[in-house]
């Protein structure tokens, strides 16, 4: 049986400091969980580039800073295997902006509403032992993405549902490559609830979420 944990993070250093989910805290949580394998929200192409040149920071802000500043070096230090699980097709990503069909006036109002959702997420983030890793944050996030789906179901299917289908399949493939190993999925915290729900549907898998 595989054990698999989920750790949701934020990709912004200011937010990490404000909410106490610093790189040092992330490192401590990883070391305490002590995985054999880390599945990270990194594109396979970016992981390949990093392995060829550790100074290559990818593109479009990917991979996020916590990977090359902390997680990748920790994998090398501790001998953790790393599996990239993310999926984004940048050449068509912006074509599926959920606000693409709205007028400029409507977009301004919707963007303000999106900002309100983010503030609600931030307010809920501290209601667990580990910031951004709790039911209050996950439920607020779930409601936010239901709202986004109502704005544009096709964009939601492309950017959110389809992305998670691929991410989950990559996790399943990683489990096959590492049978019986202890694994940790590190993703942006918005993905926590989806991974938690989907992983708990799998047999012969013990899910740890939140980690504490």
Protein backbone atom coordinates (compact mmCIF):
# COMPACT_ATOMS: atom_id res chain seq x y z
CA UNK A 1 0.00 0.00 0.00
CA UNK A 2 1.23 3.48 -0.88
CA UNK A 3 1.00 6.34 1.56
CA UNK A 4 0.45 9.72 -0.06
CA UNK A 5 0.31 13.14 1.52
CA UNK A 6 -0.89 16.48 0.16
CA UNK A 7 0.76 19.80 0.97
CA UNK A 8 -0.81 22.94 -0.45
CA UNK A 9 1.46 25.96 -0.81
CA UNK A 10 1.33 29.50 -2.19
CA UNK A 11 3.70 30.70 -4.88
CA UNK A 12 4.24 34.23 -3.52
CA UNK A 13 6.94 34.97 -0.94
CA UNK A 14 5.03 37.85 0.65
CA UNK A 15 2.00 35.62 1.20
CA UNK A 16 4.21 32.83 2.54
CA UNK A 17 5.62 35.17 5.17
CA UNK A 18 2.26 36.75 6.03
CA UNK A 19 0.59 33.40 6.65
CA UNK A 20 3.46 31.50 8.21
CA UNK A 21 3.88 29.01 5.38
CA UNK A 22 7.46 30.05 4.71
CA UNK A 23 10.02 28.05 2.78
CA UNK A 24 11.47 26.98 6.12
CA UNK A 25 8.04 25.75 7.25
CA UNK A 26 7.51 23.90 3.96
CA UNK A 27 10.92 22.26 4.34
CA UNK A 28 10.15 21.23 7.92
CA UNK A 29 6.81 19.69 6.87
CA UNK A 30 8.50 17.73 4.08
CA UNK A 31 11.23 16.46 6.40
CA UNK A 32 8.68 15.46 9.03
CA UNK A 33 6.60 13.55 6.47
CA UNK A 34 9.81 12.04 5.07
CA UNK A 35 8.60 10.95 1.62
CA UNK A 36 10.40 8.70 -0.82
CA UNK A 37 8.88 10.60 -3.74
CA UNK A 38 7.64 14.18 -4.25
CA UNK A 39 5.02 14.84 -6.92
CA UNK A 40 5.20 18.54 -7.70
CA UNK A 41 3.13 21.07 -9.62
CA UNK A 42 5.82 21.40 -12.26
CA UNK A 43 5.58 20.88 -16.01
CA UNK A 44 7.57 17.86 -17.24
CA UNK A 45 9.32 20.09 -19.79
CA UNK A 46 10.42 22.50 -17.08
CA UNK A 47 11.70 19.62 -14.93
CA UNK A 48 13.74 18.36 -17.87
CA UNK A 49 15.19 21.84 -18.40
CA UNK A 50 16.06 22.14 -14.72
CA UNK A 51 17.87 18.80 -14.73
CA UNK A 52 19.90 19.95 -17.73
CA UNK A 53 20.63 23.36 -16.19
CA UNK A 54 19.65 24.13 -12.60
CA UNK A 55 19.81 27.85 -13.37
CA UNK A 56 17.04 27.50 -15.96
CA UNK A 57 13.94 28.88 -14.26
CA UNK A 58 11.50 27.78 -16.91
CA UNK A 59 9.06 30.29 -18.36
CA UNK A 60 5.87 32.12 -17.42
CA UNK A 61 6.86 31.91 -13.76
CA UNK A 62 7.05 28.12 -13.90
CA UNK A 63 8.23 26.29 -11.93
CA UNK A 64 7.19 28.37 -8.93
CA UNK A 65 9.96 29.77 -6.73
CA UNK A 66 9.50 27.29 -3.87
CA UNK A 67 10.69 24.50 -6.16
CA UNK A 68 14.05 25.84 -7.26
CA UNK A 69 14.68 27.69 -3.97
CA UNK A 70 13.82 24.81 -1.65
CA UNK A 71 12.13 21.65 -2.95
CA UNK A 72 14.51 20.70 -5.78
CA UNK A 73 17.63 21.18 -3.62
CA UNK A 74 15.98 19.22 -0.80
CA UNK A 75 15.24 16.34 -3.19
CA UNK A 76 18.89 16.29 -4.18
CA UNK A 77 20.08 16.48 -0.56
CA UNK A 78 17.76 13.76 0.78
CA UNK A 79 17.58 11.55 -2.29
CA UNK A 80 13.84 12.01 -2.84
CA UNK A 81 12.64 11.07 -6.31
CA UNK A 82 10.78 13.90 -8.06
CA UNK A 83 7.78 13.48 -10.36
CA UNK A 84 6.45 16.50 -12.31
CA UNK A 85 2.65 16.34 -12.50
CA UNK A 86 1.41 19.68 -13.84
CA UNK A 87 -0.18 20.39 -17.21
CA UNK A 88 -0.56 23.72 -19.00
CA UNK A 89 -0.51 24.41 -22.73
CA UNK A 90 0.63 28.01 -22.91
CA UNK A 91 -0.05 28.50 -26.61
CA UNK A 92 -3.80 28.12 -25.97
CA UNK A 93 -4.13 28.86 -22.23
CA UNK A 94 -5.11 32.52 -22.65
CA UNK A 95 -7.71 31.57 -25.25
CA UNK A 96 -9.70 30.04 -22.40
CA UNK A 97 -9.85 33.02 -20.06
CA UNK A 98 -13.16 32.53 -18.19
CA UNK A 99 -13.99 36.21 -18.72
CA UNK A 100 -13.22 36.19 -22.45
CA UNK A 101 -16.84 36.63 -23.59
CA UNK A 102 -17.69 39.54 -21.30
CA UNK A 103 -17.62 43.25 -22.07
CA UNK A 104 -14.92 45.45 -20.57
CA UNK A 105 -17.40 46.85 -18.06
CA UNK A 106 -18.54 43.38 -17.06
CA UNK A 107 -14.94 42.16 -16.80
CA UNK A 108 -14.08 44.91 -14.33
CA UNK A 109 -16.95 43.83 -12.09
CA UNK A 110 -16.08 40.14 -12.43
CA UNK A 111 -12.42 40.76 -11.66
CA UNK A 112 -13.50 42.64 -8.54
CA UNK A 113 -15.66 39.66 -7.59
CA UNK A 114 -12.70 37.34 -8.16
CA UNK A 115 -10.69 39.52 -5.81
CA UNK A 116 -13.43 39.16 -3.19
CA UNK A 117 -13.23 35.38 -3.51
CA UNK A 118 -9.48 35.52 -2.96
CA UNK A 119 -9.96 37.61 0.18
CA UNK A 120 -12.41 35.00 1.45
CA UNK A 121 -9.83 32.30 0.77
CA UNK A 122 -7.18 34.24 2.67
CA UNK A 123 -9.55 34.72 5.60
CA UNK A 124 -10.13 30.96 5.72
CA UNK A 125 -6.49 30.01 5.21
CA UNK A 126 -5.50 30.30 8.86
CA UNK A 127 -8.19 28.05 10.29
CA UNK A 128 -6.02 24.94 10.35
CA UNK A 129 -2.74 23.83 11.86
CA UNK A 130 -0.99 24.39 8.52
CA UNK A 131 -2.00 27.56 6.66
CA UNK A 132 -3.96 26.96 3.44
CA UNK A 133 -4.37 23.28 4.36
CA UNK A 134 -7.76 23.02 6.04
CA UNK A 135 -11.42 22.36 5.30
CA UNK A 136 -12.38 26.04 5.64
CA UNK A 137 -9.96 27.06 2.89
CA UNK A 138 -10.90 24.10 0.71
CA UNK A 139 -14.64 24.76 0.95
CA UNK A 140 -14.20 28.43 0.07
CA UNK A 141 -11.97 27.43 -2.85
CA UNK A 142 -14.50 24.86 -4.04
CA UNK A 143 -17.24 27.54 -4.08
CA UNK A 144 -14.96 29.96 -5.93
CA UNK A 145 -14.38 27.51 -8.75
CA UNK A 146 -18.07 26.68 -8.96
CA UNK A 147 -18.59 30.41 -9.54
CA UNK A 148 -15.90 30.41 -12.23
CA UNK A 149 -17.56 27.44 -13.91
CA UNK A 150 -20.83 29.38 -14.11
CA UNK A 151 -18.99 32.20 -15.90
CA UNK A 152 -17.74 29.92 -18.69
CA UNK A 153 -18.18 26.15 -18.49
CA UNK A 154 -15.88 25.48 -21.46
CA UNK A 155 -13.02 27.52 -20.00
CA UNK A 156 -13.51 25.77 -16.66
CA UNK A 157 -13.40 22.36 -18.33
CA UNK A 158 -10.14 23.25 -20.09
CA UNK A 159 -8.28 25.11 -17.35
CA UNK A 160 -9.53 23.25 -14.29
CA UNK A 161 -11.25 19.91 -14.93
CA UNK A 162 -9.00 18.81 -17.79
CA UNK A 163 -5.89 19.95 -15.98
CA UNK A 164 -6.80 17.86 -12.94
CA UNK A 165 -7.55 14.79 -15.01
CA UNK A 166 -4.01 14.98 -16.37
CA UNK A 167 -2.46 15.79 -12.99
CA UNK A 168 -4.23 12.85 -11.39
CA UNK A 169 -3.15 10.49 -14.14
CA UNK A 170 0.44 11.58 -13.69
CA UNK A 171 0.13 10.89 -9.95
CA UNK A 172 -1.32 7.45 -10.72
CA UNK A 173 1.55 6.76 -13.12
CA UNK A 174 4.02 7.85 -10.43
CA UNK A 175 2.41 5.43 -7.97
CA UNK A 176 2.90 2.63 -10.50
CA UNK A 177 6.55 3.59 -10.90
CA UNK A 178 7.08 3.68 -7.14
CA UNK A 179 4.98 0.85 -5.67
CA UNK A 180 4.80 0.79 -1.90
CA UNK A 181 6.63 4.10 -1.56
CA UNK A 182 5.66 7.07 0.59
CA UNK A 183 4.73 9.99 -1.63
CA UNK A 184 4.00 13.69 -1.11
CA UNK A 185 2.06 15.87 -3.56
CA UNK A 186 3.03 19.54 -3.33
CA UNK A 187 0.68 21.82 -5.26
CA UNK A 188 -0.79 25.28 -5.14
CA UNK A 189 -3.34 25.23 -2.33
CA UNK A 190 -6.27 25.82 -4.71
CA UNK A 191 -5.72 22.24 -5.91
CA UNK A 192 -5.87 20.67 -2.43
CA UNK A 193 -9.53 19.75 -2.36
CA UNK A 194 -9.53 18.18 -5.83
CA UNK A 195 -6.50 15.98 -5.14
CA UNK A 196 -7.84 15.01 -1.72
CA UNK A 197 -11.21 13.96 -3.16
CA UNK A 198 -9.75 12.07 -6.10
CA UNK A 199 -6.97 10.29 -4.21
CA UNK A 200 -9.43 9.06 -1.57
CA UNK A 201 -11.36 7.26 -4.32
CA UNK A 202 -8.35 5.05 -5.03
CA UNK A 203 -7.92 1.64 -3.45
CA UNK A 204 -4.77 0.54 -1.63
CA UNK A 205 -3.87 4.14 -0.89
CA UNK A 206 -3.57 5.85 2.49
CA UNK A 207 -4.09 9.61 2.13
CA UNK A 208 -2.61 12.10 4.58
CA UNK A 209 -4.33 15.49 4.41
CA UNK A 210 -3.85 17.81 6.12
CA UNK A 211 -0.37 16.72 7.09
CA UNK A 212 -0.90 18.06 10.62
